[in-house]
Each structure stands twice: as C-alpha cells, then as structure tokens.
Amino acid sequence: MTIESTQRRLAFHAAVLFLLGGLTGGYLAAAQTGRIPVDPGHARGSHLNAILATFWLLGLGWSLKFVRLSERALALLAGLAILSSYANWLVTGVKAALFVRGVDFETGTEHAAANNIIFGILTATVVLPTIGACALWIWGLRPGAAERA
C-alpha cells in the first residue's frame, strides 16, 4: 500500500465519518428534545466523535508524506486509525441509548452488565487501537527516521 493510496483511503473514511457525524446530529436533536429515550450528552459525544475523527484522519493522511514506515506498518497505522474512529462514533452512540458511561467497570448498579460490556468494547476497539496508531505514527515521524529510510 503506497502513501498515496493510504492517503486516499484515509480521506474516503474521513468523508464517510463527516457524513455520519452530520446524520448523528439528527440523533442528537431527537435526544435533546426527548423524542427518543437517549442520553443527550452521549449522543452529542457520538456526533462530535465522528466530526473530530474526520479531522484526525485528514491530518494523519496529510502527514504521511513525512512518515517513514514499511508498507505493512503504514497499512496497520491506517487500519487502526479507521477502526478506532468508526468504533468511537458507533459505541458512543450505542451507550447513549443504554444510558451507561462505559469508562470503567461497575458493580452493583442497575446497568452494570451493559456498562461493563461497553467498557470492554471501547477498550478493545477505541482505546487500544488509538494508542497503537499513535505509537506507529510517532515512530514513523521520529527525528532521524527520514535519513534512515
């Protein structure tokens, strides 16, 4: 996978996420007006996660001209960034409907089971892939990487 094809892939997914963010604005509006039983704060988070992911993917794509990674590592970087971007949008939207925070394990509450499932999914699909993508990105941008490539 070349840098140009990776940039195109990231730009495509940025465009899709921007559309999803806009559409999620309707979800947010329905939550804020009480038309649907959804936590408006988390619905707002889902809306903003998609829009902010758009800019992360665009910035990542732009910066690839400075990144020195193998084709395999480049594909992994893009894949992790794309996975975590969609997952952050989707899981946050779902947790809004479940009325759970999903940011830590809970016990003894009415929604503990749902919260703990969301927490596990967020950790596996958002937190760890984002950390991995950022680590690869930083590694590819490290000082002196261009001279060694």
Protein backbone atom coordinates (compact mmCIF):
# COMPACT_ATOMS: atom_id res chain seq x y z
CA MET A 1 0.00 0.00 0.00
CA THR A 2 1.57 3.26 -1.13
CA ILE A 3 1.40 6.53 0.74
CA GLU A 4 -0.91 7.95 -1.94
CA SER A 5 -3.35 5.03 -1.76
CA THR A 6 -3.28 5.21 2.04
CA GLN A 7 -4.00 8.94 1.90
CA ARG A 8 -6.94 8.28 -0.43
CA ARG A 9 -8.23 5.56 1.91
CA LEU A 10 -8.00 7.88 4.92
CA ALA A 11 -9.67 10.74 3.01
CA PHE A 12 -12.53 8.44 1.95
CA HIS A 13 -13.18 7.33 5.53
CA ALA A 14 -12.89 10.92 6.74
CA ALA A 15 -15.66 11.88 4.29
CA VAL A 16 -17.86 8.99 5.44
CA LEU A 17 -17.33 9.91 9.09
CA PHE A 18 -18.16 13.54 8.39
CA LEU A 19 -21.45 12.41 6.82
CA LEU A 20 -22.13 10.11 9.79
CA GLY A 21 -21.38 12.98 12.15
CA GLY A 22 -23.90 15.16 10.35
CA LEU A 23 -26.53 12.43 10.39
CA THR A 24 -25.84 11.81 14.06
CA GLY A 25 -26.81 15.44 14.60
CA GLY A 26 -30.39 14.29 13.98
CA TYR A 27 -29.94 11.61 16.64
CA LEU A 28 -28.67 14.30 19.00
CA ALA A 29 -31.58 16.63 18.23
CA ALA A 30 -34.09 13.86 18.88
CA ALA A 31 -32.36 13.06 22.18
CA GLN A 32 -32.26 16.69 23.26
CA THR A 33 -35.95 17.21 22.53
CA GLY A 34 -36.96 13.99 24.25
CA ARG A 35 -38.38 12.38 21.10
CA ILE A 36 -36.18 9.34 21.73
CA PRO A 37 -35.04 7.94 25.09
CA VAL A 38 -31.31 8.59 24.66
CA ASP A 39 -28.74 10.35 26.85
CA PRO A 40 -28.23 13.71 25.07
CA GLY A 41 -24.70 14.12 26.42
CA HIS A 42 -23.50 10.84 24.96
CA ALA A 43 -25.44 11.47 21.74
CA ARG A 44 -23.51 14.76 21.48
CA GLY A 45 -20.32 12.81 22.13
CA SER A 46 -21.10 10.44 19.27
CA HIS A 47 -21.83 13.36 16.94
CA LEU A 48 -18.57 15.09 17.88
CA ASN A 49 -16.53 11.87 17.80
CA ALA A 50 -17.38 11.42 14.12
CA ILE A 51 -16.55 15.03 13.26
CA LEU A 52 -13.30 15.05 15.23
CA ALA A 53 -12.29 11.69 13.74
CA THR A 54 -12.73 13.29 10.32
CA PHE A 55 -10.03 15.79 11.13
CA TRP A 56 -7.76 13.19 12.71
CA LEU A 57 -7.91 11.03 9.60
CA LEU A 58 -7.33 14.03 7.34
CA GLY A 59 -4.37 15.20 9.43
CA LEU A 60 -2.94 11.71 9.55
CA GLY A 61 -3.30 11.37 5.78
CA TRP A 62 -1.64 14.73 5.19
CA SER A 63 1.28 13.87 7.47
CA LEU A 64 2.04 10.55 5.77
CA LYS A 65 4.47 12.28 3.43
CA PHE A 66 6.69 12.74 6.49
CA VAL A 67 6.18 9.24 7.91
CA ARG A 68 8.79 6.54 7.32
CA LEU A 69 7.18 3.14 7.79
CA SER A 70 7.08 -0.09 5.83
CA GLU A 71 4.02 -0.67 3.65
CA ARG A 72 2.74 -3.19 6.18
CA ALA A 73 3.16 -0.77 9.10
CA LEU A 74 1.55 2.01 7.05
CA ALA A 75 -1.49 -0.20 6.35
CA LEU A 76 -1.67 -1.11 10.05
CA LEU A 77 -1.50 2.56 11.06
CA ALA A 78 -4.35 3.47 8.71
CA GLY A 79 -6.41 0.43 9.72
CA LEU A 80 -6.09 1.15 13.43
CA ALA A 81 -6.99 4.81 12.95
CA ILE A 82 -10.02 3.95 10.82
CA LEU A 83 -11.22 1.21 13.18
CA SER A 84 -10.96 3.39 16.27
CA SER A 85 -12.67 6.31 14.52
CA TYR A 86 -15.76 4.35 13.50
CA ALA A 87 -15.87 2.46 16.78
CA ASN A 88 -15.71 5.65 18.84
CA TRP A 89 -18.64 7.10 16.90
CA LEU A 90 -20.74 3.91 16.98
CA VAL A 91 -20.10 2.71 20.53
CA THR A 92 -20.68 6.19 21.97
CA GLY A 93 -23.99 6.35 20.11
CA VAL A 94 -25.00 2.95 21.47
CA LYS A 95 -24.01 3.80 25.03
CA ALA A 96 -26.22 6.90 24.77
CA ALA A 97 -29.20 4.61 24.18
CA LEU A 98 -28.15 2.30 27.01
CA PHE A 99 -27.63 5.17 29.49
CA VAL A 100 -24.21 3.89 30.55
CA ARG A 101 -20.86 5.64 30.82
CA GLY A 102 -18.68 2.72 29.77
CA VAL A 103 -15.47 4.30 31.04
CA ASP A 104 -14.83 1.94 33.97
CA PHE A 105 -16.10 -1.33 35.40
CA GLU A 106 -19.13 -1.04 37.66
CA THR A 107 -20.72 -3.40 40.15
CA GLY A 108 -23.99 -3.30 41.97
CA THR A 109 -25.77 -0.86 39.66
CA GLU A 110 -28.84 -1.43 37.52
CA HIS A 111 -26.85 -1.07 34.28
CA ALA A 112 -23.57 -2.68 35.43
CA ALA A 113 -23.63 -5.51 32.89
CA ALA A 114 -24.30 -3.22 29.92
CA ASN A 115 -21.75 -0.72 31.21
CA ASN A 116 -19.07 -3.39 31.54
CA ILE A 117 -19.71 -4.74 28.04
CA ILE A 118 -19.44 -1.22 26.61
CA PHE A 119 -16.28 -0.62 28.63
CA GLY A 120 -14.70 -3.77 27.18
CA ILE A 121 -15.74 -2.90 23.63
CA LEU A 122 -14.46 0.67 23.97
CA THR A 123 -11.15 -0.56 25.32
CA ALA A 124 -10.72 -3.15 22.56
CA THR A 125 -11.92 -1.07 19.61
CA VAL A 126 -11.10 2.52 20.56
CA VAL A 127 -8.50 2.86 23.30
CA LEU A 128 -6.01 0.17 22.32
CA PRO A 129 -6.21 0.78 18.54
CA THR A 130 -5.82 4.54 19.07
CA ILE A 131 -2.76 4.02 21.25
CA GLY A 132 -1.31 1.63 18.66
CA ALA A 133 -1.98 4.05 15.80
CA CYS A 134 -0.46 6.95 17.70
CA ALA A 135 2.62 4.90 18.60
CA LEU A 136 3.14 3.92 14.95
CA TRP A 137 2.56 7.48 13.81
CA ILE A 138 5.10 8.84 16.28
CA TRP A 139 7.58 6.09 15.38
CA GLY A 140 7.28 6.96 11.70
CA LEU A 141 7.73 10.66 12.43
CA ARG A 142 10.63 10.33 14.87
CA PRO A 143 13.65 12.55 14.28
CA GLY A 144 16.17 10.87 12.01
CA ALA A 145 13.64 8.42 10.50
CA ALA A 146 13.85 10.14 7.12
CA GLU A 147 17.61 9.79 6.99
CA ARG A 148 17.41 6.05 7.76
CA ALA A 149 14.70 5.33 5.20
